Amino acid sequence: MFDAMRVAQLVIAISVIFVWVFRFENIEREFREYGLPDVVRNAVGASKIAAATLLLAGLWYPALIFVPAVVMAVFMLGAQIAHARVRHAPQKYAASFALLLLSVYVALMAKGVLR
């Protein structure tokens, strides 16, 4: 059976882990553009990877889903603000915006607001 929430969890988690592990040089460049120190970048990265891991664990333990989905949504909202502050082109916003929407969807589904 197709479960959109589970697919959304997977997309969020895999995307975040891929970017923060395999595309880290882009993360370093962007955080320099934003004028943020390395310690902030590292804290954000560790928190995002932890939230992504909890979203994956939530596939087996649904009680874990809500908090990391909200945390991820907050980080993606922050990414939108950071992109806007440095006036990136709209395509730079696209991935974090899509992940923001998916995170909000997962959080609402986990709380039973959406069915």
N, C-alpha and C. Protein backbone atom coordinates (compact mmCIF):
# COMPACT_ATOMS: atom_id res chain seq x y z
N MET A 1 0.84 -1.19 0.00
CA MET A 1 0.00 0.00 0.00
C MET A 1 0.88 1.25 0.00
N PHE A 2 0.53 2.23 -0.82
CA PHE A 2 1.25 3.49 -0.92
C PHE A 2 0.95 4.35 0.30
N ASP A 3 1.97 4.82 0.93
CA ASP A 3 1.83 5.66 2.11
C ASP A 3 2.61 6.95 1.88
N ALA A 4 1.91 8.02 1.55
CA ALA A 4 2.55 9.29 1.20
C ALA A 4 3.40 9.84 2.34
N MET A 5 2.96 9.64 3.57
CA MET A 5 3.73 10.15 4.70
C MET A 5 5.08 9.45 4.80
N ARG A 6 5.10 8.14 4.63
CA ARG A 6 6.36 7.40 4.69
C ARG A 6 7.29 7.81 3.55
N VAL A 7 6.73 8.01 2.37
CA VAL A 7 7.53 8.46 1.24
C VAL A 7 8.12 9.84 1.54
N ALA A 8 7.31 10.73 2.12
CA ALA A 8 7.79 12.07 2.47
C ALA A 8 8.92 11.98 3.50
N GLN A 9 8.76 11.12 4.50
CA GLN A 9 9.82 10.92 5.50
C GLN A 9 11.12 10.49 4.82
N LEU A 10 11.01 9.53 3.92
CA LEU A 10 12.19 9.04 3.21
C LEU A 10 12.84 10.13 2.37
N VAL A 11 12.03 10.88 1.64
CA VAL A 11 12.56 11.94 0.79
C VAL A 11 13.29 12.98 1.62
N ILE A 12 12.68 13.40 2.72
CA ILE A 12 13.31 14.39 3.59
C ILE A 12 14.64 13.85 4.14
N ALA A 13 14.58 12.68 4.72
CA ALA A 13 15.76 12.11 5.38
C ALA A 13 16.90 11.85 4.40
N ILE A 14 16.60 11.22 3.29
CA ILE A 14 17.64 10.91 2.32
C ILE A 14 18.23 12.18 1.72
N SER A 15 17.38 13.16 1.42
CA SER A 15 17.86 14.43 0.85
C SER A 15 18.80 15.13 1.81
N VAL A 16 18.40 15.24 3.06
CA VAL A 16 19.22 15.94 4.05
C VAL A 16 20.55 15.22 4.26
N ILE A 17 20.49 13.91 4.44
CA ILE A 17 21.73 13.16 4.65
C ILE A 17 22.64 13.27 3.43
N PHE A 18 22.08 13.16 2.24
CA PHE A 18 22.88 13.26 1.02
C PHE A 18 23.59 14.61 0.94
N VAL A 19 22.85 15.70 1.16
CA VAL A 19 23.44 17.04 1.04
C VAL A 19 24.51 17.26 2.10
N TRP A 20 24.22 16.88 3.34
CA TRP A 20 25.16 17.18 4.43
C TRP A 20 26.36 16.23 4.47
N VAL A 21 26.26 15.07 3.82
CA VAL A 21 27.39 14.14 3.82
C VAL A 21 28.16 14.20 2.49
N PHE A 22 27.44 14.13 1.38
CA PHE A 22 28.10 14.00 0.08
C PHE A 22 28.28 15.32 -0.66
N ARG A 23 27.58 16.35 -0.25
CA ARG A 23 27.69 17.66 -0.91
C ARG A 23 28.12 18.73 0.10
N PHE A 24 28.93 18.32 1.05
CA PHE A 24 29.31 19.21 2.15
C PHE A 24 30.05 20.45 1.67
N GLU A 25 30.80 20.33 0.56
CA GLU A 25 31.52 21.51 0.05
C GLU A 25 30.53 22.62 -0.33
N ASN A 26 29.36 22.26 -0.83
CA ASN A 26 28.34 23.27 -1.13
C ASN A 26 27.82 23.92 0.16
N ILE A 27 27.66 23.10 1.18
CA ILE A 27 27.21 23.61 2.48
C ILE A 27 28.23 24.61 3.02
N GLU A 28 29.50 24.25 2.95
CA GLU A 28 30.55 25.16 3.44
C GLU A 28 30.50 26.50 2.70
N ARG A 29 30.37 26.45 1.39
CA ARG A 29 30.32 27.66 0.58
C ARG A 29 29.11 28.52 0.94
N GLU A 30 27.95 27.88 1.05
CA GLU A 30 26.74 28.63 1.37
C GLU A 30 26.82 29.27 2.75
N PHE A 31 27.30 28.56 3.74
CA PHE A 31 27.38 29.13 5.08
C PHE A 31 28.38 30.29 5.13
N ARG A 32 29.44 30.23 4.30
CA ARG A 32 30.35 31.37 4.20
C ARG A 32 29.62 32.57 3.59
N GLU A 33 28.82 32.30 2.55
CA GLU A 33 28.01 33.36 1.92
C GLU A 33 27.07 34.01 2.93
N TYR A 34 26.49 33.19 3.79
CA TYR A 34 25.54 33.69 4.78
C TYR A 34 26.25 34.44 5.91
N GLY A 35 27.58 34.30 5.99
CA GLY A 35 28.34 34.96 7.04
C GLY A 35 28.21 34.28 8.40
N LEU A 36 27.89 32.98 8.37
CA LEU A 36 27.72 32.23 9.62
C LEU A 36 29.00 31.47 9.97
N PRO A 37 29.34 31.40 11.24
CA PRO A 37 30.56 30.70 11.65
C PRO A 37 30.44 29.18 11.49
N ASP A 38 31.59 28.54 11.46
CA ASP A 38 31.65 27.09 11.31
C ASP A 38 30.89 26.36 12.41
N VAL A 39 30.93 26.89 13.62
CA VAL A 39 30.25 26.21 14.73
C VAL A 39 28.73 26.18 14.48
N VAL A 40 28.19 27.23 13.90
CA VAL A 40 26.75 27.24 13.56
C VAL A 40 26.48 26.22 12.47
N ARG A 41 27.33 26.22 11.44
CA ARG A 41 27.17 25.24 10.35
C ARG A 41 27.20 23.82 10.90
N ASN A 42 28.15 23.53 11.77
CA ASN A 42 28.28 22.18 12.31
C ASN A 42 27.10 21.81 13.21
N ALA A 43 26.61 22.76 13.99
CA ALA A 43 25.45 22.50 14.85
C ALA A 43 24.20 22.25 14.01
N VAL A 44 24.02 23.05 12.96
CA VAL A 44 22.88 22.86 12.07
C VAL A 44 22.99 21.49 11.39
N GLY A 45 24.16 21.17 10.90
CA GLY A 45 24.36 19.88 10.21
C GLY A 45 24.10 18.70 11.12
N ALA A 46 24.65 18.74 12.32
CA ALA A 46 24.43 17.63 13.26
C ALA A 46 22.96 17.51 13.63
N SER A 47 22.31 18.65 13.82
CA SER A 47 20.88 18.63 14.17
C SER A 47 20.03 18.10 13.02
N LYS A 48 20.35 18.53 11.80
CA LYS A 48 19.58 18.06 10.64
C LYS A 48 19.78 16.56 10.42
N ILE A 49 21.01 16.09 10.57
CA ILE A 49 21.27 14.65 10.39
C ILE A 49 20.57 13.85 11.49
N ALA A 50 20.57 14.37 12.71
CA ALA A 50 19.86 13.69 13.81
C ALA A 50 18.37 13.65 13.53
N ALA A 51 17.80 14.77 13.07
CA ALA A 51 16.36 14.80 12.76
C ALA A 51 16.05 13.84 11.60
N ALA A 52 16.91 13.81 10.60
CA ALA A 52 16.72 12.90 9.47
C ALA A 52 16.75 11.44 9.94
N THR A 53 17.67 11.14 10.83
CA THR A 53 17.78 9.79 11.37
C THR A 53 16.53 9.42 12.15
N LEU A 54 16.01 10.35 12.93
CA LEU A 54 14.78 10.09 13.68
C LEU A 54 13.58 9.92 12.75
N LEU A 55 13.55 10.66 11.65
CA LEU A 55 12.47 10.45 10.67
C LEU A 55 12.54 9.04 10.08
N LEU A 56 13.75 8.56 9.84
CA LEU A 56 13.90 7.18 9.35
C LEU A 56 13.47 6.19 10.43
N ALA A 57 13.88 6.41 11.66
CA ALA A 57 13.47 5.52 12.76
C ALA A 57 11.96 5.55 12.93
N GLY A 58 11.35 6.68 12.61
CA GLY A 58 9.90 6.82 12.70
C GLY A 58 9.14 5.91 11.76
N LEU A 59 9.83 5.37 10.77
CA LEU A 59 9.18 4.39 9.89
C LEU A 59 8.77 3.16 10.69
N TRP A 60 9.53 2.84 11.74
CA TRP A 60 9.24 1.70 12.61
C TRP A 60 8.61 2.11 13.93
N TYR A 61 8.92 3.33 14.38
CA TYR A 61 8.42 3.84 15.66
C TYR A 61 7.74 5.19 15.44
N PRO A 62 6.48 5.18 15.02
CA PRO A 62 5.77 6.41 14.65
C PRO A 62 5.75 7.51 15.71
N ALA A 63 5.90 7.15 16.97
CA ALA A 63 5.90 8.18 18.03
C ALA A 63 7.07 9.14 17.88
N LEU A 64 8.09 8.75 17.13
CA LEU A 64 9.28 9.60 16.95
C LEU A 64 9.11 10.67 15.88
N ILE A 65 8.08 10.63 15.09
CA ILE A 65 8.01 11.42 13.86
C ILE A 65 7.76 12.91 14.08
N PHE A 66 6.86 13.28 14.95
CA PHE A 66 6.41 14.67 15.03
C PHE A 66 7.54 15.65 15.32
N VAL A 67 8.31 15.43 16.35
CA VAL A 67 9.34 16.40 16.76
C VAL A 67 10.39 16.59 15.66
N PRO A 68 10.98 15.54 15.10
CA PRO A 68 11.97 15.80 14.04
C PRO A 68 11.37 16.45 12.79
N ALA A 69 10.10 16.18 12.52
CA ALA A 69 9.46 16.83 11.37
C ALA A 69 9.34 18.34 11.61
N VAL A 70 8.97 18.72 12.83
CA VAL A 70 8.88 20.15 13.17
C VAL A 70 10.26 20.78 13.16
N VAL A 71 11.24 20.10 13.74
CA VAL A 71 12.61 20.61 13.74
C VAL A 71 13.09 20.83 12.31
N MET A 72 12.83 19.87 11.45
CA MET A 72 13.26 19.99 10.05
C MET A 72 12.54 21.15 9.37
N ALA A 73 11.26 21.32 9.65
CA ALA A 73 10.51 22.44 9.06
C ALA A 73 11.12 23.77 9.50
N VAL A 74 11.48 23.88 10.76
CA VAL A 74 12.10 25.12 11.26
C VAL A 74 13.43 25.37 10.56
N PHE A 75 14.23 24.34 10.40
CA PHE A 75 15.51 24.51 9.70
C PHE A 75 15.29 24.90 8.24
N MET A 76 14.29 24.33 7.59
CA MET A 76 14.03 24.66 6.20
C MET A 76 13.48 26.08 6.06
N LEU A 77 12.72 26.53 7.03
CA LEU A 77 12.27 27.92 7.05
C LEU A 77 13.49 28.83 7.21
N GLY A 78 14.40 28.45 8.08
CA GLY A 78 15.66 29.20 8.23
C GLY A 78 16.45 29.24 6.94
N ALA A 79 16.46 28.14 6.20
CA ALA A 79 17.17 28.10 4.92
C ALA A 79 16.52 29.08 3.93
N GLN A 80 15.20 29.15 3.94
CA GLN A 80 14.50 30.09 3.06
C GLN A 80 14.92 31.53 3.39
N ILE A 81 14.98 31.83 4.67
CA ILE A 81 15.37 33.18 5.11
C ILE A 81 16.82 33.46 4.72
N ALA A 82 17.70 32.49 4.92
CA ALA A 82 19.11 32.67 4.57
C ALA A 82 19.29 32.91 3.08
N HIS A 83 18.59 32.14 2.25
CA HIS A 83 18.67 32.34 0.80
C HIS A 83 18.16 33.73 0.42
N ALA A 84 17.09 34.18 1.05
CA ALA A 84 16.52 35.49 0.75
C ALA A 84 17.49 36.61 1.15
N ARG A 85 18.14 36.44 2.28
CA ARG A 85 19.05 37.49 2.78
C ARG A 85 20.22 37.73 1.83
N VAL A 86 20.70 36.67 1.20
CA VAL A 86 21.83 36.85 0.27
C VAL A 86 21.35 36.96 -1.18
N ARG A 87 20.04 37.05 -1.35
CA ARG A 87 19.42 37.26 -2.66
C ARG A 87 19.80 36.19 -3.69
N HIS A 88 19.69 34.95 -3.28
CA HIS A 88 19.93 33.86 -4.22
C HIS A 88 18.81 33.81 -5.26
N ALA A 89 19.13 33.21 -6.38
CA ALA A 89 18.13 33.01 -7.43
C ALA A 89 17.06 32.03 -6.92
N PRO A 90 15.84 32.16 -7.43
CA PRO A 90 14.74 31.31 -6.95
C PRO A 90 15.02 29.81 -6.98
N GLN A 91 15.78 29.32 -7.95
CA GLN A 91 16.05 27.88 -8.00
C GLN A 91 16.86 27.41 -6.80
N LYS A 92 17.59 28.31 -6.14
CA LYS A 92 18.33 27.95 -4.93
C LYS A 92 17.37 27.70 -3.76
N TYR A 93 16.21 28.31 -3.81
CA TYR A 93 15.20 28.15 -2.75
C TYR A 93 14.40 26.85 -2.91
N ALA A 94 14.36 26.33 -4.11
CA ALA A 94 13.42 25.26 -4.44
C ALA A 94 13.53 24.03 -3.54
N ALA A 95 14.73 23.52 -3.34
CA ALA A 95 14.90 22.28 -2.57
C ALA A 95 14.47 22.48 -1.12
N SER A 96 14.94 23.56 -0.50
CA SER A 96 14.57 23.77 0.91
C SER A 96 13.08 24.09 1.04
N PHE A 97 12.50 24.73 0.04
CA PHE A 97 11.06 25.00 0.08
C PHE A 97 10.26 23.70 -0.02
N ALA A 98 10.68 22.82 -0.93
CA ALA A 98 10.00 21.52 -1.06
C ALA A 98 10.13 20.72 0.23
N LEU A 99 11.31 20.73 0.84
CA LEU A 99 11.51 20.00 2.09
C LEU A 99 10.74 20.65 3.24
N LEU A 100 10.59 21.96 3.21
CA LEU A 100 9.76 22.66 4.20
C LEU A 100 8.31 22.17 4.10
N LEU A 101 7.77 22.15 2.88
CA LEU A 101 6.40 21.68 2.69
C LEU A 101 6.22 20.23 3.12
N LEU A 102 7.17 19.38 2.74
CA LEU A 102 7.09 17.97 3.13
C LEU A 102 7.19 17.80 4.64
N SER A 103 8.04 18.59 5.28
CA SER A 103 8.19 18.50 6.74
C SER A 103 6.91 18.92 7.45
N VAL A 104 6.29 19.99 6.98
CA VAL A 104 5.02 20.43 7.57
C VAL A 104 3.96 19.35 7.35
N TYR A 105 3.91 18.78 6.16
CA TYR A 105 2.96 17.71 5.85
C TYR A 105 3.16 16.52 6.81
N VAL A 106 4.41 16.09 6.99
CA VAL A 106 4.70 14.95 7.87
C VAL A 106 4.30 15.28 9.31
N ALA A 107 4.62 16.47 9.77
CA ALA A 107 4.26 16.87 11.13
C ALA A 107 2.75 16.86 11.33
N LEU A 108 2.01 17.42 10.37
CA LEU A 108 0.54 17.44 10.47
C LEU A 108 -0.06 16.04 10.42
N MET A 109 0.51 15.20 9.58
CA MET A 109 0.05 13.82 9.51
C MET A 109 0.34 13.08 10.81
N ALA A 110 1.52 13.30 11.36
CA ALA A 110 1.91 12.62 12.61
C ALA A 110 1.00 13.02 13.76
N LYS A 111 0.51 14.25 13.76
CA LYS A 111 -0.38 14.72 14.82
C LYS A 111 -1.83 14.37 14.54
N GLY A 112 -2.11 13.84 13.36
CA GLY A 112 -3.48 13.47 13.02
C GLY A 112 -4.33 14.62 12.53
N VAL A 113 -3.70 15.75 12.23
CA VAL A 113 -4.44 16.92 11.72
C VAL A 113 -4.90 16.65 10.28
N LEU A 114 -4.06 15.97 9.53
CA LEU A 114 -4.39 15.56 8.15
C LEU A 114 -4.60 14.05 8.14
N ARG A 115 -5.41 13.61 7.23
CA ARG A 115 -5.63 12.16 7.07
C ARG A 115 -5.53 11.79 5.64
